[in-house]
Amino acid sequence: MSRRPVPRVTDAPEPQSARQRRRQRWYFALMGTCVVLIVLAWNVVRLWSVPAAVAMSAVAAVLPPIAVLVANWGEGR
């Protein structure tokens, strides 16, 4: 007679709402970082170093697609 293992409470999957909340926090953190980089680059950093401001803007331009990927990661499962 084979016995099935008893499921444990820790084996329960995390609720959808908790996963969605975590993804939203990551999305807003990345988009907030994007906004801060753009504002600092265009209003503060450009006064001292234009190449640094351009680099900050380039990083800010890459963040939105990454934020979308993070926000939708694992949604289809």
N, C-alpha and C. Protein backbone atom coordinates (compact mmCIF):
# COMPACT_ATOMS: atom_id res chain seq x y z
N MET A 1 0.84 -1.16 0.00
CA MET A 1 0.00 0.00 0.00
C MET A 1 0.90 1.24 0.00
N SER A 2 0.73 2.07 -1.04
CA SER A 2 1.55 3.27 -1.10
C SER A 2 0.78 4.45 -0.50
N ARG A 3 1.49 5.20 0.24
CA ARG A 3 0.87 6.35 0.90
C ARG A 3 1.25 7.63 0.15
N ARG A 4 0.28 8.49 0.01
CA ARG A 4 0.56 9.79 -0.58
C ARG A 4 1.11 10.70 0.52
N PRO A 5 2.07 11.54 0.17
CA PRO A 5 2.59 12.45 1.20
C PRO A 5 1.52 13.45 1.62
N VAL A 6 1.54 13.78 2.86
CA VAL A 6 0.57 14.73 3.41
C VAL A 6 1.02 16.14 3.02
N PRO A 7 0.13 16.92 2.39
CA PRO A 7 0.52 18.29 2.04
C PRO A 7 0.71 19.14 3.29
N ARG A 8 1.68 20.00 3.22
CA ARG A 8 1.97 20.88 4.34
C ARG A 8 1.47 22.28 4.03
N VAL A 9 1.30 23.05 5.05
CA VAL A 9 0.83 24.42 4.88
C VAL A 9 1.83 25.23 4.06
N THR A 10 3.10 24.96 4.23
CA THR A 10 4.12 25.71 3.50
C THR A 10 4.15 25.33 2.02
N ASP A 11 3.50 24.22 1.64
CA ASP A 11 3.45 23.82 0.25
C ASP A 11 2.36 24.56 -0.52
N ALA A 12 1.50 25.27 0.17
CA ALA A 12 0.40 25.99 -0.49
C ALA A 12 0.98 27.12 -1.33
N PRO A 13 0.44 27.29 -2.55
CA PRO A 13 0.94 28.38 -3.38
C PRO A 13 0.57 29.75 -2.80
N GLU A 14 1.40 30.70 -3.10
CA GLU A 14 1.15 32.06 -2.64
C GLU A 14 -0.10 32.60 -3.34
N PRO A 15 -0.97 33.33 -2.65
CA PRO A 15 -2.18 33.85 -3.29
C PRO A 15 -1.87 34.82 -4.42
N GLN A 16 -2.77 34.87 -5.39
CA GLN A 16 -2.61 35.76 -6.54
C GLN A 16 -2.48 37.21 -6.11
N SER A 17 -3.24 37.62 -5.11
CA SER A 17 -3.19 39.02 -4.68
C SER A 17 -1.81 39.40 -4.14
N ALA A 18 -1.16 38.49 -3.43
CA ALA A 18 0.18 38.78 -2.90
C ALA A 18 1.20 38.88 -4.03
N ARG A 19 1.08 37.99 -5.02
CA ARG A 19 2.00 38.05 -6.17
C ARG A 19 1.79 39.35 -6.95
N GLN A 20 0.53 39.73 -7.15
CA GLN A 20 0.24 40.94 -7.89
C GLN A 20 0.74 42.17 -7.13
N ARG A 21 0.55 42.19 -5.83
CA ARG A 21 1.01 43.32 -5.02
C ARG A 21 2.53 43.47 -5.12
N ARG A 22 3.26 42.34 -5.08
CA ARG A 22 4.72 42.39 -5.18
C ARG A 22 5.15 42.92 -6.55
N ARG A 23 4.47 42.45 -7.60
CA ARG A 23 4.81 42.93 -8.95
C ARG A 23 4.50 44.42 -9.09
N GLN A 24 3.40 44.88 -8.50
CA GLN A 24 3.08 46.31 -8.55
C GLN A 24 4.12 47.15 -7.83
N ARG A 25 4.58 46.67 -6.70
CA ARG A 25 5.63 47.42 -5.97
C ARG A 25 6.88 47.53 -6.80
N TRP A 26 7.29 46.44 -7.45
CA TRP A 26 8.48 46.47 -8.30
C TRP A 26 8.28 47.42 -9.47
N TYR A 27 7.09 47.37 -10.08
CA TYR A 27 6.79 48.24 -11.22
C TYR A 27 6.89 49.71 -10.81
N PHE A 28 6.22 50.07 -9.71
CA PHE A 28 6.24 51.46 -9.27
C PHE A 28 7.63 51.90 -8.82
N ALA A 29 8.39 51.00 -8.23
CA ALA A 29 9.76 51.35 -7.84
C ALA A 29 10.63 51.63 -9.07
N LEU A 30 10.51 50.78 -10.09
CA LEU A 30 11.30 50.99 -11.30
C LEU A 30 10.86 52.25 -12.04
N MET A 31 9.56 52.48 -12.13
CA MET A 31 9.09 53.68 -12.82
C MET A 31 9.41 54.94 -12.01
N GLY A 32 9.37 54.85 -10.70
CA GLY A 32 9.77 55.98 -9.86
C GLY A 32 11.25 56.31 -10.05
N THR A 33 12.07 55.27 -10.14
CA THR A 33 13.49 55.46 -10.41
C THR A 33 13.70 56.13 -11.75
N CYS A 34 12.91 55.72 -12.73
CA CYS A 34 12.99 56.32 -14.07
C CYS A 34 12.68 57.82 -14.01
N VAL A 35 11.62 58.18 -13.33
CA VAL A 35 11.23 59.59 -13.23
C VAL A 35 12.30 60.40 -12.49
N VAL A 36 12.82 59.84 -11.40
CA VAL A 36 13.85 60.53 -10.63
C VAL A 36 15.11 60.74 -11.48
N LEU A 37 15.50 59.72 -12.24
CA LEU A 37 16.68 59.85 -13.10
C LEU A 37 16.49 60.95 -14.14
N ILE A 38 15.32 60.99 -14.76
CA ILE A 38 15.07 62.00 -15.79
C ILE A 38 15.07 63.40 -15.18
N VAL A 39 14.38 63.57 -14.07
CA VAL A 39 14.30 64.89 -13.45
C VAL A 39 15.68 65.36 -13.00
N LEU A 40 16.43 64.47 -12.37
CA LEU A 40 17.79 64.86 -11.94
C LEU A 40 18.70 65.14 -13.12
N ALA A 41 18.62 64.32 -14.15
CA ALA A 41 19.50 64.49 -15.31
C ALA A 41 19.23 65.82 -16.01
N TRP A 42 17.96 66.14 -16.21
CA TRP A 42 17.61 67.34 -16.97
C TRP A 42 17.69 68.62 -16.17
N ASN A 43 17.57 68.54 -14.85
CA ASN A 43 17.52 69.77 -14.06
C ASN A 43 18.74 70.01 -13.19
N VAL A 44 19.49 68.97 -12.86
CA VAL A 44 20.61 69.15 -11.93
C VAL A 44 21.94 68.73 -12.56
N VAL A 45 22.00 67.51 -13.00
CA VAL A 45 23.28 66.94 -13.44
C VAL A 45 23.81 67.62 -14.70
N ARG A 46 22.93 68.05 -15.60
CA ARG A 46 23.38 68.67 -16.85
C ARG A 46 24.17 69.94 -16.62
N LEU A 47 23.98 70.57 -15.46
CA LEU A 47 24.72 71.79 -15.15
C LEU A 47 26.20 71.51 -14.92
N TRP A 48 26.53 70.30 -14.49
CA TRP A 48 27.92 69.93 -14.22
C TRP A 48 28.50 69.01 -15.28
N SER A 49 27.69 68.08 -15.78
CA SER A 49 28.22 67.11 -16.73
C SER A 49 27.13 66.65 -17.69
N VAL A 50 27.24 67.10 -18.92
CA VAL A 50 26.27 66.70 -19.94
C VAL A 50 26.37 65.20 -20.25
N PRO A 51 27.57 64.63 -20.37
CA PRO A 51 27.63 63.18 -20.64
C PRO A 51 26.99 62.35 -19.52
N ALA A 52 27.14 62.77 -18.28
CA ALA A 52 26.51 62.05 -17.18
C ALA A 52 24.99 62.16 -17.28
N ALA A 53 24.49 63.33 -17.66
CA ALA A 53 23.05 63.51 -17.83
C ALA A 53 22.52 62.66 -18.97
N VAL A 54 23.27 62.55 -20.04
CA VAL A 54 22.86 61.71 -21.17
C VAL A 54 22.86 60.24 -20.75
N ALA A 55 23.86 59.84 -19.99
CA ALA A 55 23.92 58.44 -19.51
C ALA A 55 22.74 58.15 -18.59
N MET A 56 22.40 59.09 -17.72
CA MET A 56 21.25 58.89 -16.83
C MET A 56 19.96 58.79 -17.64
N SER A 57 19.83 59.60 -18.67
CA SER A 57 18.65 59.55 -19.53
C SER A 57 18.58 58.23 -20.28
N ALA A 58 19.72 57.71 -20.70
CA ALA A 58 19.75 56.43 -21.40
C ALA A 58 19.30 55.30 -20.48
N VAL A 59 19.76 55.33 -19.24
CA VAL A 59 19.32 54.31 -18.27
C VAL A 59 17.83 54.45 -18.01
N ALA A 60 17.35 55.69 -17.90
CA ALA A 60 15.93 55.93 -17.68
C ALA A 60 15.10 55.45 -18.86
N ALA A 61 15.64 55.50 -20.06
CA ALA A 61 14.91 55.05 -21.24
C ALA A 61 14.77 53.53 -21.28
N VAL A 62 15.69 52.82 -20.65
CA VAL A 62 15.65 51.36 -20.65
C VAL A 62 14.75 50.81 -19.55
N LEU A 63 14.52 51.58 -18.51
CA LEU A 63 13.75 51.09 -17.36
C LEU A 63 12.27 50.79 -17.63
N PRO A 64 11.53 51.57 -18.40
CA PRO A 64 10.11 51.23 -18.61
C PRO A 64 9.85 49.85 -19.20
N PRO A 65 10.57 49.42 -20.24
CA PRO A 65 10.33 48.05 -20.73
C PRO A 65 10.66 46.98 -19.69
N ILE A 66 11.70 47.23 -18.90
CA ILE A 66 12.05 46.28 -17.84
C ILE A 66 10.95 46.25 -16.79
N ALA A 67 10.39 47.41 -16.46
CA ALA A 67 9.30 47.48 -15.48
C ALA A 67 8.08 46.71 -15.96
N VAL A 68 7.78 46.79 -17.25
CA VAL A 68 6.64 46.06 -17.80
C VAL A 68 6.89 44.56 -17.74
N LEU A 69 8.10 44.15 -18.06
CA LEU A 69 8.43 42.72 -17.98
C LEU A 69 8.30 42.21 -16.55
N VAL A 70 8.78 42.99 -15.60
CA VAL A 70 8.68 42.58 -14.19
C VAL A 70 7.22 42.53 -13.75
N ALA A 71 6.42 43.50 -14.18
CA ALA A 71 5.02 43.56 -13.77
C ALA A 71 4.22 42.39 -14.33
N ASN A 72 4.60 41.88 -15.48
CA ASN A 72 3.86 40.78 -16.11
C ASN A 72 4.52 39.42 -15.94
N TRP A 73 5.59 39.35 -15.20
CA TRP A 73 6.33 38.10 -15.03
C TRP A 73 5.47 37.07 -14.31
N GLY A 74 5.29 35.92 -14.92
CA GLY A 74 4.56 34.84 -14.29
C GLY A 74 3.05 35.01 -14.29
N GLU A 75 2.53 35.95 -15.05
CA GLU A 75 1.09 36.21 -15.06
C GLU A 75 0.32 35.06 -15.70
N GLY A 76 0.91 34.41 -16.68
CA GLY A 76 0.21 33.34 -17.39
C GLY A 76 0.17 32.02 -16.66
N ARG A 77 0.83 31.89 -15.55
CA ARG A 77 0.88 30.62 -14.83
C ARG A 77 -0.32 30.41 -13.98
